[in-house]
């Protein structure tokens, strides 16, 4: 109504002309402010989305650019870091079976042996058992018996069903500060010589503990198992079948373990 009446006015003086121009300005500006107020919320939302996308793009670009830098750094670090050199003496070092009452009375049969000549070539000794289980353990006094309570009945059940399924368990105490070694020995008293304990004088890490245990193994197959019981031990048979399939030319699982060619190197990984 106001805008319509204003358009009918007659302009006769500069003052009225000024009023006319001011009114036009007002008539043009007011709708603009009303328009901005109504769309402010949507404008802010779109701006936030735009800024978020820009930040995500920048972050993604930063991560992608860091990948080659990290790979290059690790590669250079691998050249700088000195790797431990293992000598023949280290591999043939005699290791003793731990016992709380009579430590050092029995020696593990070594996995490796060498020629008496000057060549110093290493050979694997002939296995006495079908399976050796290496259990590295550090401060596992509480969880180790739980793991063995699942492991040993499974192994015994298979041995009863098949006499060729012979086994041993070697618990490697990796510098524990609790009673891990003694706990393993107490459990071994129930199972006879099927469980033996290797106690390391200092912590060598999981890899070092496994390596020491393997050097004492007498089995055609060697299995690593964690002491915390994180893996269901009955699943071992799946890994076993895959491993046996690798030792044959046609990939078929052997029906009898006496025909196993233990010389063929093979690795099967399960989790």
Protein backbone atom coordinates (compact mmCIF):
# COMPACT_ATOMS: atom_id res chain seq x y z
CA UNK A 1 0.00 0.00 0.00
CA UNK A 2 2.79 2.38 0.92
CA UNK A 3 4.76 1.51 -2.19
CA UNK A 4 1.72 2.06 -4.46
CA UNK A 5 0.85 5.51 -3.05
CA UNK A 6 4.46 6.60 -3.27
CA UNK A 7 4.54 5.89 -7.00
CA UNK A 8 1.56 8.32 -7.53
CA UNK A 9 3.32 11.34 -5.92
CA UNK A 10 4.37 14.34 -8.12
CA UNK A 11 7.92 15.54 -7.61
CA UNK A 12 8.13 19.43 -7.63
CA UNK A 13 11.14 20.38 -5.49
CA UNK A 14 14.61 19.13 -4.68
CA UNK A 15 13.50 18.25 -1.17
CA UNK A 16 10.66 16.22 -2.46
CA UNK A 17 13.00 14.78 -5.08
CA UNK A 18 15.41 13.83 -2.30
CA UNK A 19 12.59 12.24 -0.37
CA UNK A 20 11.58 10.39 -3.49
CA UNK A 21 15.08 9.03 -4.03
CA UNK A 22 15.46 8.09 -0.35
CA UNK A 23 12.18 6.26 -0.43
CA UNK A 24 13.28 4.36 -3.47
CA UNK A 25 16.46 3.40 -1.72
CA UNK A 26 14.54 2.27 1.31
CA UNK A 27 12.13 0.30 -0.82
CA UNK A 28 15.03 -1.49 -2.45
CA UNK A 29 17.13 -2.17 0.68
CA UNK A 30 14.44 -3.42 3.03
CA UNK A 31 13.51 -6.43 0.90
CA UNK A 32 17.26 -7.27 0.65
CA UNK A 33 17.70 -7.43 4.42
CA UNK A 34 14.59 -9.52 4.81
CA UNK A 35 15.93 -11.93 2.17
CA UNK A 36 19.32 -12.30 3.94
CA UNK A 37 17.74 -12.91 7.33
CA UNK A 38 15.54 -15.71 6.07
CA UNK A 39 18.37 -17.59 4.33
CA UNK A 40 21.10 -17.03 6.95
CA UNK A 41 20.75 -20.50 8.45
CA UNK A 42 21.08 -22.33 5.13
CA UNK A 43 23.97 -20.08 4.13
CA UNK A 44 25.88 -20.92 7.34
CA UNK A 45 25.24 -24.63 6.91
CA UNK A 46 26.55 -24.60 3.35
CA UNK A 47 29.60 -22.63 4.44
CA UNK A 48 30.36 -25.11 7.22
CA UNK A 49 30.06 -28.01 4.79
CA UNK A 50 32.39 -26.29 2.35
CA UNK A 51 35.00 -25.64 5.05
CA UNK A 52 34.71 -29.23 6.30
CA UNK A 53 35.31 -30.60 2.81
CA UNK A 54 38.34 -28.35 2.40
CA UNK A 55 39.79 -29.53 5.71
CA UNK A 56 39.22 -33.18 4.83
CA UNK A 57 40.88 -32.68 1.46
CA UNK A 58 43.88 -31.02 3.09
CA UNK A 59 44.14 -33.77 5.71
CA UNK A 60 43.92 -36.52 3.09
CA UNK A 61 46.59 -34.83 1.01
CA UNK A 62 48.84 -34.56 4.06
CA UNK A 63 48.44 -38.26 4.89
CA UNK A 64 49.11 -39.33 1.31
CA UNK A 65 52.22 -37.15 1.12
CA UNK A 66 53.52 -38.64 4.40
CA UNK A 67 53.35 -42.25 3.17
CA UNK A 68 56.36 -42.11 0.80
CA UNK A 69 58.30 -40.12 3.40
CA UNK A 70 57.62 -42.78 6.05
CA UNK A 71 58.58 -45.63 3.70
CA UNK A 72 61.80 -43.88 2.74
CA UNK A 73 62.64 -43.23 6.40
CA UNK A 74 62.11 -46.88 7.35
CA UNK A 75 64.23 -48.01 4.41
CA UNK A 76 67.09 -45.73 5.45
CA UNK A 77 66.71 -46.78 9.09
CA UNK A 78 67.02 -50.44 8.12
CA UNK A 79 70.42 -49.70 6.62
CA UNK A 80 71.59 -47.74 9.64
CA UNK A 81 70.36 -50.18 12.31
CA UNK A 82 72.93 -52.92 12.98
CA UNK A 83 71.46 -56.41 12.65
CA UNK A 84 72.68 -59.05 15.11
CA UNK A 85 75.09 -61.53 13.57
CA UNK A 86 74.40 -65.09 14.70
CA UNK A 87 77.38 -67.35 14.57
CA UNK A 88 77.55 -71.11 14.41
CA UNK A 89 78.49 -71.11 18.07
CA UNK A 90 75.21 -69.38 18.95
CA UNK A 91 73.16 -71.91 16.98
CA UNK A 92 74.94 -74.90 18.51
CA UNK A 93 74.95 -73.56 22.06
CA UNK A 94 73.80 -76.32 24.45
CA UNK A 95 70.59 -75.59 26.34
CA UNK A 96 69.54 -77.21 29.59
CA UNK A 97 66.15 -78.39 30.80
CA UNK A 98 64.98 -76.34 33.77
CA UNK A 99 63.93 -78.01 36.99
CA UNK A 100 63.41 -76.23 40.33
CA UNK A 101 65.07 -79.04 42.26
CA UNK A 102 67.91 -80.05 39.94
CA UNK A 103 68.63 -77.37 37.39
CA UNK A 104 71.10 -78.23 34.64
CA UNK A 105 71.04 -82.01 34.94
CA UNK A 106 69.57 -82.66 31.48
CA UNK A 107 70.41 -81.15 28.12
CA UNK A 108 68.00 -80.62 25.24
CA UNK A 109 68.73 -82.58 22.09
CA UNK A 110 69.91 -79.96 19.56
CA UNK A 111 68.00 -79.39 16.35
CA UNK A 112 71.21 -78.62 14.46
CA UNK A 113 74.53 -80.38 14.22
CA UNK A 114 77.65 -79.83 12.14
CA UNK A 115 80.38 -81.83 10.46
CA UNK A 116 83.56 -82.53 12.29
CA UNK A 117 85.61 -81.24 9.39
CA UNK A 118 86.59 -77.64 8.78
CA UNK A 119 83.62 -76.93 6.49
CA UNK A 120 81.35 -76.23 9.44
CA UNK A 121 78.20 -77.06 7.46
CA UNK A 122 75.06 -77.35 9.60
CA UNK A 123 72.54 -80.18 9.35
CA UNK A 124 69.21 -80.89 10.98
CA UNK A 125 69.14 -83.88 13.27
CA UNK A 126 66.61 -86.62 12.60
CA UNK A 127 63.32 -85.99 14.46
CA UNK A 128 62.21 -88.32 17.24
CA UNK A 129 58.58 -87.12 17.43
CA UNK A 130 55.81 -86.02 15.14
CA UNK A 131 55.07 -82.62 16.70
CA UNK A 132 56.96 -80.10 18.82
CA UNK A 133 55.02 -77.21 20.36
CA UNK A 134 57.01 -74.12 21.33
CA UNK A 135 55.31 -71.83 23.87
CA UNK A 136 57.16 -68.56 24.55
CA UNK A 137 56.05 -67.16 27.89
CA UNK A 138 56.95 -64.08 29.90
CA UNK A 139 55.18 -63.47 33.21
CA UNK A 140 52.40 -65.90 32.27
CA UNK A 141 52.11 -67.64 35.63
CA UNK A 142 48.33 -67.22 35.71
CA UNK A 143 47.38 -67.72 32.06
CA UNK A 144 49.78 -70.54 31.16
CA UNK A 145 47.87 -73.28 33.09
CA UNK A 146 44.63 -72.22 31.38
CA UNK A 147 46.25 -72.61 27.98
CA UNK A 148 47.76 -75.99 28.88
CA UNK A 149 44.41 -77.22 30.20
CA UNK A 150 43.06 -76.82 26.68
CA UNK A 151 46.18 -77.91 24.81
CA UNK A 152 47.17 -81.13 26.59
CA UNK A 153 43.76 -82.92 26.54
CA UNK A 154 43.48 -82.26 22.79
CA UNK A 155 46.95 -83.68 22.14
CA UNK A 156 46.36 -86.69 24.40
CA UNK A 157 43.07 -87.46 22.70
CA UNK A 158 44.74 -87.49 19.31
CA UNK A 159 47.56 -89.68 20.62
CA UNK A 160 45.07 -92.22 21.97
CA UNK A 161 43.32 -92.39 18.60
CA UNK A 162 46.57 -92.54 16.64
CA UNK A 163 49.76 -93.82 18.26
CA UNK A 164 51.91 -92.18 15.57
CA UNK A 165 50.79 -88.78 16.84
CA UNK A 166 53.65 -88.22 19.28
CA UNK A 167 54.39 -84.80 20.67
CA UNK A 168 56.34 -82.65 23.09
CA UNK A 169 55.71 -79.22 24.61
CA UNK A 170 58.60 -76.85 25.28
CA UNK A 171 57.73 -73.86 27.45
CA UNK A 172 60.33 -71.12 27.01
CA UNK A 173 60.46 -68.80 30.02
CA UNK A 174 61.65 -65.55 28.46
CA UNK A 175 63.19 -63.90 31.51
CA UNK A 176 60.03 -63.87 33.62
CA UNK A 177 60.03 -62.19 37.02
CA UNK A 178 57.18 -64.30 38.39
CA UNK A 179 56.84 -68.06 38.79
CA UNK A 180 56.19 -68.92 35.15
CA UNK A 181 58.96 -71.53 34.92
CA UNK A 182 58.01 -73.21 38.22
CA UNK A 183 54.34 -73.25 37.23
CA UNK A 184 55.22 -74.98 33.97
CA UNK A 185 57.34 -77.52 35.85
CA UNK A 186 54.47 -78.29 38.22
CA UNK A 187 52.22 -78.93 35.25
CA UNK A 188 54.93 -81.08 33.65
CA UNK A 189 54.92 -83.41 36.66
CA UNK A 190 51.40 -84.47 35.67
CA UNK A 191 52.34 -85.22 32.05
CA UNK A 192 55.79 -86.74 32.44
CA UNK A 193 58.47 -85.88 29.90
CA UNK A 194 56.03 -84.57 27.34
CA UNK A 195 56.39 -81.08 28.82
CA UNK A 196 59.79 -79.55 29.45
CA UNK A 197 60.88 -76.05 30.38
CA UNK A 198 63.66 -73.93 28.92
CA UNK A 199 64.48 -70.95 31.13
CA UNK A 200 66.36 -68.06 29.55
CA UNK A 201 68.68 -65.98 31.70
CA UNK A 202 67.49 -62.72 30.15
CA UNK A 203 64.60 -61.50 28.05
CA UNK A 204 65.22 -62.06 24.33
CA UNK A 205 61.81 -61.01 23.08
CA UNK A 206 59.20 -63.27 21.53
CA UNK A 207 61.26 -63.93 18.41
CA UNK A 208 64.35 -64.82 20.42
CA UNK A 209 62.38 -67.10 22.73
CA UNK A 210 60.78 -68.93 19.81
CA UNK A 211 64.16 -69.35 18.12
CA UNK A 212 65.69 -70.84 21.27
CA UNK A 213 62.77 -73.23 21.61
CA UNK A 214 63.00 -74.33 17.98
CA UNK A 215 66.69 -75.15 18.42
CA UNK A 216 65.58 -77.67 21.08
CA UNK A 217 62.71 -79.21 19.08
CA UNK A 218 62.63 -82.93 18.23
CA UNK A 219 59.47 -82.99 16.10
CA UNK A 220 58.98 -83.33 12.36
CA UNK A 221 56.49 -80.47 12.64
CA UNK A 222 57.15 -77.45 14.84
CA UNK A 223 54.27 -75.33 16.08
CA UNK A 224 54.41 -71.93 17.81
CA UNK A 225 51.59 -71.19 20.24
CA UNK A 226 51.04 -68.20 22.54
CA UNK A 227 50.83 -68.79 26.27
CA UNK A 228 47.78 -66.56 26.72
CA UNK A 229 45.45 -69.04 25.00
CA UNK A 230 44.21 -66.46 22.50
CA UNK A 231 43.90 -69.11 19.78
CA UNK A 232 41.66 -72.15 20.02
CA UNK A 233 44.06 -75.08 20.00
CA UNK A 234 41.69 -77.45 18.24
CA UNK A 235 42.14 -75.32 15.11
CA UNK A 236 45.67 -76.70 14.86
CA UNK A 237 44.39 -79.54 12.70
CA UNK A 238 43.50 -77.12 9.90
CA UNK A 239 47.03 -75.73 9.83
CA UNK A 240 48.40 -79.26 10.08
CA UNK A 241 46.50 -80.43 7.00
CA UNK A 242 47.69 -77.44 4.98
CA UNK A 243 51.27 -78.07 6.05
CA UNK A 244 51.14 -81.77 5.22
CA UNK A 245 49.70 -80.93 1.83
CA UNK A 246 52.76 -78.78 1.10
CA UNK A 247 55.10 -81.71 1.72
CA UNK A 248 53.59 -83.86 -1.06
CA UNK A 249 53.87 -83.42 -4.81
CA UNK A 250 50.13 -83.67 -5.47
CA UNK A 251 49.07 -81.63 -2.43
CA UNK A 252 47.15 -84.49 -0.82
CA UNK A 253 47.28 -84.99 2.93
CA UNK A 254 49.24 -88.07 3.95
CA UNK A 255 47.22 -90.90 5.45
CA UNK A 256 50.11 -92.09 7.63
CA UNK A 257 52.60 -89.85 9.40
CA UNK A 258 55.39 -92.37 8.97
CA UNK A 259 55.62 -91.35 5.30
CA UNK A 260 56.13 -87.66 6.13
CA UNK A 261 59.20 -86.23 4.43
CA UNK A 262 60.42 -83.93 7.19
CA UNK A 263 63.30 -82.65 5.05
CA UNK A 264 60.97 -80.62 2.82
CA UNK A 265 60.74 -77.06 4.25
CA UNK A 266 57.18 -75.78 4.54
CA UNK A 267 55.38 -73.09 6.55
CA UNK A 268 51.67 -72.79 7.33
CA UNK A 269 50.25 -69.79 9.20
CA UNK A 270 46.96 -69.74 11.07
CA UNK A 271 45.30 -67.35 13.50
